[in-house]
């Protein structure tokens, strides 16, 4: 019940932000969690499960903003090597070339 009350509160905040700031898309929130979504009572779409493909974080944010989709991702769902490093799923390689680092991260997954 606590999760439902929090969701209702955030829906009100979202509506207020859209009205006050005249936003064209819905504001979103991002949370890093270390538990299963079912344990938390959260319903969210997983790219690999629901779309049968990996998505970038940018694509997941756009789906949330424009269509109101709740998205959740693990390493298996992420398509961008940069985000894999940024979110801590892989260590950044010790190289001076950014392109080489991103290529290495992509190759590992």
C-alpha atoms as a PDB file:
ATOM      1  CA  UNK A   1       0.000   0.000   0.000  1.00  0.00           C
ATOM      2  CA  UNK A   2       2.916   2.348   0.676  1.00  0.00           C
ATOM      3  CA  UNK A   3       4.103   1.992  -2.935  1.00  0.00           C
ATOM      4  CA  UNK A   4       0.641   2.861  -4.261  1.00  0.00           C
ATOM      5  CA  UNK A   5       0.458   5.979  -2.081  1.00  0.00           C
ATOM      6  CA  UNK A   6       3.904   7.060  -3.274  1.00  0.00           C
ATOM      7  CA  UNK A   7       2.883   6.545  -6.897  1.00  0.00           C
ATOM      8  CA  UNK A   8      -0.214   8.697  -6.425  1.00  0.00           C
ATOM      9  CA  UNK A   9       1.899  11.429  -4.832  1.00  0.00           C
ATOM     10  CA  UNK A  10       4.354  11.373  -7.744  1.00  0.00           C
ATOM     11  CA  UNK A  11       1.485  11.510 -10.251  1.00  0.00           C
ATOM     12  CA  UNK A  12       0.292  14.712  -8.568  1.00  0.00           C
ATOM     13  CA  UNK A  13       3.842  16.117  -8.656  1.00  0.00           C
ATOM     14  CA  UNK A  14       4.102  15.231 -12.334  1.00  0.00           C
ATOM     15  CA  UNK A  15       0.836  16.971 -13.131  1.00  0.00           C
ATOM     16  CA  UNK A  16       1.871  20.065 -11.172  1.00  0.00           C
ATOM     17  CA  UNK A  17       5.263  20.217 -12.933  1.00  0.00           C
ATOM     18  CA  UNK A  18       3.638  19.899 -16.344  1.00  0.00           C
ATOM     19  CA  UNK A  19       1.199  22.716 -15.558  1.00  0.00           C
ATOM     20  CA  UNK A  20       3.675  25.097 -13.913  1.00  0.00           C
ATOM     21  CA  UNK A  21       6.574  24.578 -16.318  1.00  0.00           C
ATOM     22  CA  UNK A  22       4.408  23.979 -19.403  1.00  0.00           C
ATOM     23  CA  UNK A  23       6.283  20.813 -20.242  1.00  0.00           C
ATOM     24  CA  UNK A  24       5.536  19.055 -23.537  1.00  0.00           C
ATOM     25  CA  UNK A  25       6.324  15.600 -22.164  1.00  0.00           C
ATOM     26  CA  UNK A  26       5.899  13.911 -18.838  1.00  0.00           C
ATOM     27  CA  UNK A  27       8.658  14.345 -16.253  1.00  0.00           C
ATOM     28  CA  UNK A  28      10.280  11.060 -15.288  1.00  0.00           C
ATOM     29  CA  UNK A  29      12.253   9.701 -12.401  1.00  0.00           C
ATOM     30  CA  UNK A  30      15.103   7.220 -12.439  1.00  0.00           C
ATOM     31  CA  UNK A  31      15.853   4.868  -9.579  1.00  0.00           C
ATOM     32  CA  UNK A  32      18.638   2.357  -9.164  1.00  0.00           C
ATOM     33  CA  UNK A  33      17.311  -0.615  -7.215  1.00  0.00           C
ATOM     34  CA  UNK A  34      18.884  -3.853  -6.119  1.00  0.00           C
ATOM     35  CA  UNK A  35      15.726  -5.910  -5.643  1.00  0.00           C
ATOM     36  CA  UNK A  36      13.311  -7.666  -7.967  1.00  0.00           C
ATOM     37  CA  UNK A  37      10.523  -5.391  -9.219  1.00  0.00           C
ATOM     38  CA  UNK A  38       7.880  -7.950  -8.268  1.00  0.00           C
ATOM     39  CA  UNK A  39       9.042  -7.774  -4.639  1.00  0.00           C
ATOM     40  CA  UNK A  40       8.444  -4.024  -4.719  1.00  0.00           C
ATOM     41  CA  UNK A  41       5.069  -4.275  -6.451  1.00  0.00           C
ATOM     42  CA  UNK A  42       6.297  -2.245  -9.429  1.00  0.00           C
ATOM     43  CA  UNK A  43       5.037  -2.959 -12.924  1.00  0.00           C
ATOM     44  CA  UNK A  44       7.559  -2.073 -15.628  1.00  0.00           C
ATOM     45  CA  UNK A  45       8.454  -3.133 -19.145  1.00  0.00           C
ATOM     46  CA  UNK A  46      11.767  -4.881 -19.800  1.00  0.00           C
ATOM     47  CA  UNK A  47      13.189  -4.323 -23.297  1.00  0.00           C
ATOM     48  CA  UNK A  48      14.517  -7.866 -23.783  1.00  0.00           C
ATOM     49  CA  UNK A  49      11.337  -9.465 -22.452  1.00  0.00           C
ATOM     50  CA  UNK A  50       8.633  -7.187 -23.873  1.00  0.00           C
ATOM     51  CA  UNK A  51      10.256  -5.854 -27.069  1.00  0.00           C
ATOM     52  CA  UNK A  52      12.603  -8.802 -27.773  1.00  0.00           C
ATOM     53  CA  UNK A  53      15.548  -6.454 -28.244  1.00  0.00           C
ATOM     54  CA  UNK A  54      17.988  -4.291 -26.334  1.00  0.00           C
ATOM     55  CA  UNK A  55      17.330  -0.562 -26.021  1.00  0.00           C
ATOM     56  CA  UNK A  56      19.519   2.369 -25.118  1.00  0.00           C
ATOM     57  CA  UNK A  57      18.843   4.320 -21.949  1.00  0.00           C
ATOM     58  CA  UNK A  58      17.851   7.271 -24.165  1.00  0.00           C
ATOM     59  CA  UNK A  59      15.201   5.135 -25.878  1.00  0.00           C
ATOM     60  CA  UNK A  60      13.840   3.974 -22.526  1.00  0.00           C
ATOM     61  CA  UNK A  61      13.658   7.569 -21.273  1.00  0.00           C
ATOM     62  CA  UNK A  62      11.816   8.607 -24.451  1.00  0.00           C
ATOM     63  CA  UNK A  63       9.298   5.753 -24.011  1.00  0.00           C
ATOM     64  CA  UNK A  64       8.658   6.930 -20.458  1.00  0.00           C
ATOM     65  CA  UNK A  65       8.388  10.612 -21.408  1.00  0.00           C
ATOM     66  CA  UNK A  66       6.227  10.334 -24.504  1.00  0.00           C
ATOM     67  CA  UNK A  67       4.127   7.257 -23.777  1.00  0.00           C
ATOM     68  CA  UNK A  68       4.158   6.996 -19.977  1.00  0.00           C
ATOM     69  CA  UNK A  69       5.731   3.520 -20.065  1.00  0.00           C
ATOM     70  CA  UNK A  70       7.402   2.339 -16.893  1.00  0.00           C
ATOM     71  CA  UNK A  71      10.749   0.870 -17.935  1.00  0.00           C
ATOM     72  CA  UNK A  72      13.222  -1.330 -16.081  1.00  0.00           C
ATOM     73  CA  UNK A  73      16.564  -2.594 -17.303  1.00  0.00           C
ATOM     74  CA  UNK A  74      19.381  -4.890 -16.349  1.00  0.00           C
ATOM     75  CA  UNK A  75      22.599  -5.462 -18.257  1.00  0.00           C
ATOM     76  CA  UNK A  76      20.781  -7.825 -20.636  1.00  0.00           C
ATOM     77  CA  UNK A  77      18.442  -4.993 -21.709  1.00  0.00           C
ATOM     78  CA  UNK A  78      21.052  -2.298 -22.422  1.00  0.00           C
ATOM     79  CA  UNK A  79      22.352  -1.599 -25.931  1.00  0.00           C
ATOM     80  CA  UNK A  80      24.744   1.309 -25.361  1.00  0.00           C
ATOM     81  CA  UNK A  81      28.291   0.528 -24.200  1.00  0.00           C
ATOM     82  CA  UNK A  82      28.628   3.941 -22.582  1.00  0.00           C
ATOM     83  CA  UNK A  83      25.610   3.428 -20.348  1.00  0.00           C
ATOM     84  CA  UNK A  84      26.832  -0.041 -19.412  1.00  0.00           C
ATOM     85  CA  UNK A  85      29.955   1.589 -17.975  1.00  0.00           C
ATOM     86  CA  UNK A  86      28.121   4.590 -16.494  1.00  0.00           C
ATOM     87  CA  UNK A  87      25.604   2.420 -14.634  1.00  0.00           C
ATOM     88  CA  UNK A  88      28.398   0.256 -13.259  1.00  0.00           C
ATOM     89  CA  UNK A  89      27.741  -2.988 -15.142  1.00  0.00           C
ATOM     90  CA  UNK A  90      31.286  -2.941 -16.563  1.00  0.00           C
ATOM     91  CA  UNK A  91      34.583  -1.390 -15.579  1.00  0.00           C
ATOM     92  CA  UNK A  92      35.906   1.312 -17.867  1.00  0.00           C
ATOM     93  CA  UNK A  93      38.879  -0.015 -19.797  1.00  0.00           C
ATOM     94  CA  UNK A  94      42.261   1.519 -19.174  1.00  0.00           C
ATOM     95  CA  UNK A  95      42.767   3.115 -22.549  1.00  0.00           C
ATOM     96  CA  UNK A  96      43.317   6.651 -23.756  1.00  0.00           C
ATOM     97  CA  UNK A  97      40.895   6.383 -26.659  1.00  0.00           C
ATOM     98  CA  UNK A  98      37.218   6.921 -25.849  1.00  0.00           C
ATOM     99  CA  UNK A  99      36.158   5.125 -29.026  1.00  0.00           C
ATOM    100  CA  UNK A 100      38.378   2.157 -28.160  1.00  0.00           C
ATOM    101  CA  UNK A 101      36.891   2.072 -24.648  1.00  0.00           C
ATOM    102  CA  UNK A 102      33.338   2.056 -25.959  1.00  0.00           C
ATOM    103  CA  UNK A 103      34.171  -0.597 -28.549  1.00  0.00           C
ATOM    104  CA  UNK A 104      35.696  -2.798 -25.858  1.00  0.00           C
ATOM    105  CA  UNK A 105      32.638  -2.424 -23.625  1.00  0.00           C
ATOM    106  CA  UNK A 106      30.336  -3.323 -26.501  1.00  0.00           C
ATOM    107  CA  UNK A 107      32.438  -6.348 -27.386  1.00  0.00           C
ATOM    108  CA  UNK A 108      32.291  -7.665 -23.788  1.00  0.00           C
ATOM    109  CA  UNK A 109      28.492  -7.822 -23.925  1.00  0.00           C
END
